[in-house]
Amino acid sequence: MAIHYFHCTDGFDLILDRNGRETRAVQDAIAEAHEVAGEIMRAVPSYGEWDNWAVHIYDEAGPLEVVPFAGLVRAAA
């Protein structure tokens, strides 16, 4: 298990994940990034610019993956 951090940004604003979440592998971290994006979009449903946001996955060594909110926004519509 590894701790992965899921920082979200649109290039201007940032939601910083200071706690991280335990995941087994990068593929699990990507699935978790989808969950993080969904949680944020549900928390602020009136916001209309989610296409500009992405989840940046980090571990203790640095950046791993970037998961855009865009595909999730279209799937929710």
N, C-alpha and C. Protein backbone atom coordinates (compact mmCIF):
# COMPACT_ATOMS: atom_id res chain seq x y z
N MET A 1 0.84 -1.18 0.00
CA MET A 1 0.00 0.00 0.00
C MET A 1 0.88 1.24 0.00
N ALA A 2 0.38 2.24 -0.69
CA ALA A 2 1.10 3.51 -0.75
C ALA A 2 0.12 4.63 -0.46
N ILE A 3 0.62 5.73 0.03
CA ILE A 3 -0.20 6.92 0.22
C ILE A 3 -0.10 7.75 -1.06
N HIS A 4 -1.25 8.05 -1.63
CA HIS A 4 -1.32 8.93 -2.80
C HIS A 4 -2.09 10.18 -2.42
N TYR A 5 -1.68 11.29 -3.00
CA TYR A 5 -2.31 12.58 -2.74
C TYR A 5 -3.03 13.01 -4.01
N PHE A 6 -4.22 13.59 -3.83
CA PHE A 6 -5.10 13.94 -4.95
C PHE A 6 -5.37 15.43 -4.92
N HIS A 7 -4.47 16.20 -5.51
CA HIS A 7 -4.60 17.65 -5.57
C HIS A 7 -5.43 18.02 -6.80
N CYS A 8 -6.38 18.92 -6.61
CA CYS A 8 -7.28 19.30 -7.71
C CYS A 8 -7.07 20.77 -8.04
N THR A 9 -7.03 21.08 -9.34
CA THR A 9 -6.82 22.45 -9.76
C THR A 9 -7.41 22.70 -11.14
N ASP A 10 -7.72 23.97 -11.38
CA ASP A 10 -8.10 24.42 -12.72
C ASP A 10 -7.02 25.32 -13.30
N GLY A 11 -5.88 25.37 -12.66
CA GLY A 11 -4.78 26.22 -13.08
C GLY A 11 -4.76 27.56 -12.36
N PHE A 12 -5.86 27.87 -11.67
CA PHE A 12 -5.95 29.11 -10.89
C PHE A 12 -6.22 28.81 -9.43
N ASP A 13 -7.23 28.00 -9.18
CA ASP A 13 -7.58 27.61 -7.82
C ASP A 13 -7.05 26.20 -7.55
N LEU A 14 -6.85 25.91 -6.27
CA LEU A 14 -6.25 24.63 -5.89
C LEU A 14 -6.96 24.08 -4.67
N ILE A 15 -7.29 22.80 -4.72
CA ILE A 15 -7.76 22.07 -3.56
C ILE A 15 -6.64 21.10 -3.22
N LEU A 16 -5.97 21.36 -2.13
CA LEU A 16 -4.78 20.60 -1.74
C LEU A 16 -5.17 19.45 -0.82
N ASP A 17 -4.73 18.25 -1.14
CA ASP A 17 -4.96 17.06 -0.34
C ASP A 17 -3.77 16.90 0.60
N ARG A 18 -3.95 17.26 1.85
CA ARG A 18 -2.86 17.17 2.82
C ARG A 18 -2.78 15.81 3.51
N ASN A 19 -3.86 15.01 3.40
CA ASN A 19 -3.89 13.73 4.12
C ASN A 19 -3.54 12.54 3.24
N GLY A 20 -3.96 12.57 2.00
CA GLY A 20 -3.73 11.44 1.11
C GLY A 20 -4.66 10.28 1.42
N ARG A 21 -4.59 9.27 0.56
CA ARG A 21 -5.41 8.06 0.73
C ARG A 21 -4.53 6.87 0.36
N GLU A 22 -4.73 5.78 1.07
CA GLU A 22 -3.96 4.56 0.78
C GLU A 22 -4.55 3.86 -0.44
N THR A 23 -3.69 3.53 -1.38
CA THR A 23 -4.08 2.74 -2.54
C THR A 23 -3.00 1.71 -2.81
N ARG A 24 -3.36 0.66 -3.52
CA ARG A 24 -2.43 -0.44 -3.77
C ARG A 24 -1.53 -0.20 -4.98
N ALA A 25 -2.09 0.43 -6.03
CA ALA A 25 -1.34 0.59 -7.28
C ALA A 25 -1.81 1.86 -7.99
N VAL A 26 -1.10 2.24 -9.02
CA VAL A 26 -1.44 3.45 -9.76
C VAL A 26 -2.86 3.35 -10.33
N GLN A 27 -3.26 2.18 -10.82
CA GLN A 27 -4.61 2.02 -11.37
C GLN A 27 -5.66 2.27 -10.28
N ASP A 28 -5.39 1.83 -9.06
CA ASP A 28 -6.30 2.10 -7.95
C ASP A 28 -6.33 3.58 -7.62
N ALA A 29 -5.19 4.24 -7.73
CA ALA A 29 -5.12 5.68 -7.48
C ALA A 29 -5.92 6.44 -8.53
N ILE A 30 -5.90 5.99 -9.77
CA ILE A 30 -6.68 6.64 -10.83
C ILE A 30 -8.17 6.48 -10.54
N ALA A 31 -8.59 5.30 -10.12
CA ALA A 31 -9.99 5.09 -9.74
C ALA A 31 -10.36 5.99 -8.57
N GLU A 32 -9.46 6.13 -7.62
CA GLU A 32 -9.70 7.00 -6.47
C GLU A 32 -9.79 8.46 -6.91
N ALA A 33 -9.01 8.87 -7.91
CA ALA A 33 -9.07 10.23 -8.43
C ALA A 33 -10.45 10.52 -9.00
N HIS A 34 -11.06 9.54 -9.65
CA HIS A 34 -12.43 9.71 -10.15
C HIS A 34 -13.40 9.93 -8.99
N GLU A 35 -13.19 9.20 -7.90
CA GLU A 35 -14.02 9.37 -6.71
C GLU A 35 -13.85 10.77 -6.12
N VAL A 36 -12.61 11.23 -6.04
CA VAL A 36 -12.32 12.56 -5.51
C VAL A 36 -13.01 13.63 -6.35
N ALA A 37 -12.89 13.53 -7.66
CA ALA A 37 -13.54 14.50 -8.55
C ALA A 37 -15.05 14.48 -8.36
N GLY A 38 -15.62 13.29 -8.27
CA GLY A 38 -17.06 13.17 -8.05
C GLY A 38 -17.50 13.80 -6.74
N GLU A 39 -16.74 13.59 -5.68
CA GLU A 39 -17.05 14.17 -4.38
C GLU A 39 -17.06 15.69 -4.45
N ILE A 40 -16.07 16.25 -5.13
CA ILE A 40 -15.98 17.70 -5.24
C ILE A 40 -17.14 18.26 -6.07
N MET A 41 -17.44 17.62 -7.19
CA MET A 41 -18.53 18.10 -8.03
C MET A 41 -19.88 18.01 -7.31
N ARG A 42 -20.07 16.97 -6.51
CA ARG A 42 -21.33 16.85 -5.75
C ARG A 42 -21.40 17.90 -4.64
N ALA A 43 -20.25 18.29 -4.10
CA ALA A 43 -20.22 19.27 -3.02
C ALA A 43 -20.59 20.67 -3.51
N VAL A 44 -20.32 20.95 -4.79
CA VAL A 44 -20.60 22.27 -5.37
C VAL A 44 -21.33 22.09 -6.70
N PRO A 45 -22.58 21.60 -6.67
CA PRO A 45 -23.27 21.26 -7.92
C PRO A 45 -23.59 22.46 -8.82
N SER A 46 -23.65 23.65 -8.26
CA SER A 46 -24.00 24.82 -9.07
C SER A 46 -22.82 25.37 -9.88
N TYR A 47 -21.61 24.93 -9.60
CA TYR A 47 -20.43 25.39 -10.32
C TYR A 47 -20.45 24.80 -11.73
N GLY A 48 -20.21 25.62 -12.74
CA GLY A 48 -20.35 25.16 -14.11
C GLY A 48 -19.07 25.03 -14.90
N GLU A 49 -17.92 25.11 -14.27
CA GLU A 49 -16.64 25.09 -15.00
C GLU A 49 -15.79 23.88 -14.68
N TRP A 50 -16.40 22.76 -14.36
CA TRP A 50 -15.62 21.57 -13.98
C TRP A 50 -14.77 21.04 -15.12
N ASP A 51 -15.13 21.33 -16.36
CA ASP A 51 -14.31 20.87 -17.49
C ASP A 51 -12.87 21.38 -17.42
N ASN A 52 -12.66 22.46 -16.68
CA ASN A 52 -11.32 23.04 -16.58
C ASN A 52 -10.47 22.40 -15.48
N TRP A 53 -11.06 21.54 -14.68
CA TRP A 53 -10.37 20.98 -13.52
C TRP A 53 -9.75 19.62 -13.81
N ALA A 54 -8.74 19.28 -13.01
CA ALA A 54 -8.10 17.96 -13.09
C ALA A 54 -7.61 17.56 -11.71
N VAL A 55 -7.53 16.26 -11.49
CA VAL A 55 -6.94 15.71 -10.27
C VAL A 55 -5.50 15.34 -10.60
N HIS A 56 -4.57 15.86 -9.84
CA HIS A 56 -3.15 15.55 -10.01
C HIS A 56 -2.76 14.58 -8.90
N ILE A 57 -2.37 13.39 -9.28
CA ILE A 57 -2.04 12.34 -8.32
C ILE A 57 -0.53 12.37 -8.04
N TYR A 58 -0.20 12.41 -6.76
CA TYR A 58 1.20 12.42 -6.31
C TYR A 58 1.41 11.30 -5.31
N ASP A 59 2.64 10.83 -5.24
CA ASP A 59 3.07 9.98 -4.13
C ASP A 59 4.29 10.65 -3.51
N GLU A 60 4.97 9.96 -2.62
CA GLU A 60 6.11 10.58 -1.93
C GLU A 60 7.25 10.94 -2.87
N ALA A 61 7.29 10.32 -4.04
CA ALA A 61 8.36 10.59 -5.01
C ALA A 61 8.02 11.74 -5.97
N GLY A 62 6.75 12.11 -6.04
CA GLY A 62 6.37 13.20 -6.93
C GLY A 62 5.13 12.88 -7.75
N PRO A 63 4.94 13.59 -8.87
CA PRO A 63 3.72 13.42 -9.67
C PRO A 63 3.67 12.07 -10.39
N LEU A 64 2.44 11.52 -10.49
CA LEU A 64 2.23 10.24 -11.16
C LEU A 64 1.32 10.36 -12.38
N GLU A 65 0.14 10.94 -12.20
CA GLU A 65 -0.87 10.98 -13.25
C GLU A 65 -1.71 12.25 -13.10
N VAL A 66 -2.37 12.62 -14.20
CA VAL A 66 -3.35 13.70 -14.19
C VAL A 66 -4.64 13.13 -14.75
N VAL A 67 -5.72 13.30 -13.98
CA VAL A 67 -7.03 12.79 -14.38
C VAL A 67 -7.98 13.98 -14.54
N PRO A 68 -8.37 14.31 -15.77
CA PRO A 68 -9.27 15.46 -15.97
C PRO A 68 -10.68 15.18 -15.45
N PHE A 69 -11.32 16.21 -14.94
CA PHE A 69 -12.73 16.11 -14.55
C PHE A 69 -13.61 15.98 -15.79
N ALA A 70 -13.15 16.44 -16.94
CA ALA A 70 -13.98 16.60 -18.15
C ALA A 70 -14.78 15.34 -18.50
N GLY A 71 -14.18 14.18 -18.52
CA GLY A 71 -14.90 12.96 -18.86
C GLY A 71 -15.97 12.64 -17.85
N LEU A 72 -15.74 12.99 -16.59
CA LEU A 72 -16.72 12.74 -15.54
C LEU A 72 -17.89 13.69 -15.66
N VAL A 73 -17.62 14.93 -16.07
CA VAL A 73 -18.68 15.92 -16.24
C VAL A 73 -19.62 15.46 -17.34
N ARG A 74 -19.09 15.01 -18.46
CA ARG A 74 -19.92 14.56 -19.58
C ARG A 74 -20.71 13.30 -19.20
N ALA A 75 -20.11 12.42 -18.42
CA ALA A 75 -20.80 11.20 -18.02
C ALA A 75 -21.96 11.52 -17.07
N ALA A 76 -21.80 12.57 -16.25
CA ALA A 76 -22.85 12.94 -15.29
C ALA A 76 -24.00 13.68 -15.97
N ALA A 77 -23.75 14.25 -17.15
CA ALA A 77 -24.79 15.05 -17.82
C ALA A 77 -25.86 14.20 -18.46
